[in-house]
Amino acid sequence: MLYARYAPYRLLFKEASGTSRGVLTYKDTYFIQLNDDTCPGRVGWGECALFRGLGSDDTHDYEAVLADACRRVSELPFDQFLSTLSDR
């Protein structure tokens, strides 16, 4: 069975970065870890990048949606989990 978890992380820029909506000095992101109990020791890592105020994915429930996706990974067979992604 697959298990997923995430952790929020703030990346601090070495230099400020200018955008059309101002200057950024950091970026909030989430690291994802995926484990399969049938393959102990094998770990997958990913990132769910988020640029606050710059994209359509910056919603008030972003972290709740991410938590729900991690929960569904653990509850559903993988092919069934993939089919649920189009629900969002």
C-alpha atoms as a PDB file:
ATOM      1  CA  MET A   1       0.000   0.000   0.000  1.00  0.00           C
ATOM      2  CA  LEU A   2       1.125   3.525  -0.745  1.00  0.00           C
ATOM      3  CA  TYR A   3       1.412   6.173   1.938  1.00  0.00           C
ATOM      4  CA  ALA A   4       1.788   9.881   1.308  1.00  0.00           C
ATOM      5  CA  ARG A   5       2.578  12.761   3.595  1.00  0.00           C
ATOM      6  CA  TYR A   6       3.549  16.378   3.130  1.00  0.00           C
ATOM      7  CA  ALA A   7       5.428  19.066   4.997  1.00  0.00           C
ATOM      8  CA  PRO A   8       5.251  22.831   4.437  1.00  0.00           C
ATOM      9  CA  TYR A   9       8.551  24.579   3.855  1.00  0.00           C
ATOM     10  CA  ARG A  10       9.568  28.181   3.185  1.00  0.00           C
ATOM     11  CA  LEU A  11      12.342  28.690   0.647  1.00  0.00           C
ATOM     12  CA  LEU A  12      14.239  31.925   1.278  1.00  0.00           C
ATOM     13  CA  PHE A  13      15.615  33.567  -1.851  1.00  0.00           C
ATOM     14  CA  LYS A  14      19.259  34.592  -1.840  1.00  0.00           C
ATOM     15  CA  GLU A  15      18.222  37.620  -3.879  1.00  0.00           C
ATOM     16  CA  ALA A  16      14.833  39.287  -4.159  1.00  0.00           C
ATOM     17  CA  SER A  17      12.928  38.382  -7.292  1.00  0.00           C
ATOM     18  CA  GLY A  18      10.745  40.896  -9.115  1.00  0.00           C
ATOM     19  CA  THR A  19       7.341  39.875 -10.487  1.00  0.00           C
ATOM     20  CA  SER A  20       4.442  41.721 -12.052  1.00  0.00           C
ATOM     21  CA  ARG A  21       2.864  41.828  -8.590  1.00  0.00           C
ATOM     22  CA  GLY A  22       5.815  42.959  -6.539  1.00  0.00           C
ATOM     23  CA  VAL A  23       9.067  41.626  -5.147  1.00  0.00           C
ATOM     24  CA  LEU A  24       9.386  38.162  -3.620  1.00  0.00           C
ATOM     25  CA  THR A  25      11.945  37.282  -0.984  1.00  0.00           C
ATOM     26  CA  TYR A  26      10.616  33.790  -0.268  1.00  0.00           C
ATOM     27  CA  LYS A  27       8.358  31.073  -1.663  1.00  0.00           C
ATOM     28  CA  ASP A  28       6.118  28.783   0.361  1.00  0.00           C
ATOM     29  CA  THR A  29       6.144  25.212  -0.874  1.00  0.00           C
ATOM     30  CA  TYR A  30       5.241  21.708   0.236  1.00  0.00           C
ATOM     31  CA  PHE A  31       7.458  18.656   0.062  1.00  0.00           C
ATOM     32  CA  ILE A  32       5.682  15.358  -0.548  1.00  0.00           C
ATOM     33  CA  GLN A  33       6.978  11.967   0.530  1.00  0.00           C
ATOM     34  CA  LEU A  34       5.559   8.754  -0.931  1.00  0.00           C
ATOM     35  CA  ASN A  35       6.281   5.337   0.574  1.00  0.00           C
ATOM     36  CA  ASP A  36       5.214   1.864  -0.528  1.00  0.00           C
ATOM     37  CA  ASP A  37       5.117  -0.749   2.222  1.00  0.00           C
ATOM     38  CA  THR A  38       5.766  -3.458  -0.367  1.00  0.00           C
ATOM     39  CA  CYS A  39       9.178  -1.876  -1.093  1.00  0.00           C
ATOM     40  CA  PRO A  40      10.684  -0.880   2.273  1.00  0.00           C
ATOM     41  CA  GLY A  41      13.426   1.686   1.955  1.00  0.00           C
ATOM     42  CA  ARG A  42      12.194   3.007  -1.383  1.00  0.00           C
ATOM     43  CA  VAL A  43      10.976   6.592  -1.037  1.00  0.00           C
ATOM     44  CA  GLY A  44       9.650   9.053  -3.586  1.00  0.00           C
ATOM     45  CA  TRP A  45       9.934  12.812  -3.107  1.00  0.00           C
ATOM     46  CA  GLY A  46       8.106  15.631  -4.837  1.00  0.00           C
ATOM     47  CA  GLU A  47       7.206  19.263  -4.437  1.00  0.00           C
ATOM     48  CA  CYS A  48       3.928  21.133  -4.671  1.00  0.00           C
ATOM     49  CA  ALA A  49       5.135  24.623  -5.489  1.00  0.00           C
ATOM     50  CA  LEU A  50       3.000  27.597  -4.634  1.00  0.00           C
ATOM     51  CA  PHE A  51       3.581  31.223  -5.563  1.00  0.00           C
ATOM     52  CA  ARG A  52       1.162  33.138  -3.377  1.00  0.00           C
ATOM     53  CA  GLY A  53      -0.811  35.692  -5.340  1.00  0.00           C
ATOM     54  CA  LEU A  54       0.632  34.633  -8.703  1.00  0.00           C
ATOM     55  CA  GLY A  55      -1.380  31.608  -9.771  1.00  0.00           C
ATOM     56  CA  SER A  56      -4.835  30.105  -9.863  1.00  0.00           C
ATOM     57  CA  ASP A  57      -3.741  27.364  -7.440  1.00  0.00           C
ATOM     58  CA  ASP A  58      -3.326  29.919  -4.635  1.00  0.00           C
ATOM     59  CA  THR A  59      -6.624  29.200  -2.913  1.00  0.00           C
ATOM     60  CA  HIS A  60      -7.612  29.417   0.740  1.00  0.00           C
ATOM     61  CA  ASP A  61      -7.988  25.618   0.897  1.00  0.00           C
ATOM     62  CA  TYR A  62      -4.728  24.686  -0.865  1.00  0.00           C
ATOM     63  CA  GLU A  63      -3.292  22.806   2.111  1.00  0.00           C
ATOM     64  CA  ALA A  64      -6.618  21.056   2.804  1.00  0.00           C
ATOM     65  CA  VAL A  65      -6.739  19.812  -0.813  1.00  0.00           C
ATOM     66  CA  LEU A  66      -3.154  18.582  -0.497  1.00  0.00           C
ATOM     67  CA  ALA A  67      -3.944  16.813   2.786  1.00  0.00           C
ATOM     68  CA  ASP A  68      -6.972  15.179   1.159  1.00  0.00           C
ATOM     69  CA  ALA A  69      -4.878  13.965  -1.790  1.00  0.00           C
ATOM     70  CA  CYS A  70      -2.329  12.430   0.597  1.00  0.00           C
ATOM     71  CA  ARG A  71      -5.134  10.733   2.515  1.00  0.00           C
ATOM     72  CA  ARG A  72      -6.660   9.331  -0.693  1.00  0.00           C
ATOM     73  CA  VAL A  73      -3.286   7.934  -1.799  1.00  0.00           C
ATOM     74  CA  SER A  74      -3.253   5.878   1.380  1.00  0.00           C
ATOM     75  CA  GLU A  75      -6.877   4.747   1.117  1.00  0.00           C
ATOM     76  CA  LEU A  76      -7.302   3.864  -2.547  1.00  0.00           C
ATOM     77  CA  PRO A  77      -5.600   1.527  -5.001  1.00  0.00           C
ATOM     78  CA  PHE A  78      -3.201   3.624  -7.089  1.00  0.00           C
ATOM     79  CA  ASP A  79      -5.159   3.458 -10.367  1.00  0.00           C
ATOM     80  CA  GLN A  80      -8.343   4.481  -8.552  1.00  0.00           C
ATOM     81  CA  PHE A  81      -6.498   7.337  -6.840  1.00  0.00           C
ATOM     82  CA  LEU A  82      -5.321   8.645 -10.222  1.00  0.00           C
ATOM     83  CA  SER A  83      -8.893   8.770 -11.483  1.00  0.00           C
ATOM     84  CA  THR A  84      -9.894  10.977  -8.530  1.00  0.00           C
ATOM     85  CA  LEU A  85      -7.430  13.706  -9.510  1.00  0.00           C
ATOM     86  CA  SER A  86      -9.709  14.944 -12.262  1.00  0.00           C
ATOM     87  CA  ASP A  87     -12.276  15.802  -9.542  1.00  0.00           C
ATOM     88  CA  ARG A  88     -10.295  18.922  -8.634  1.00  0.00           C
END
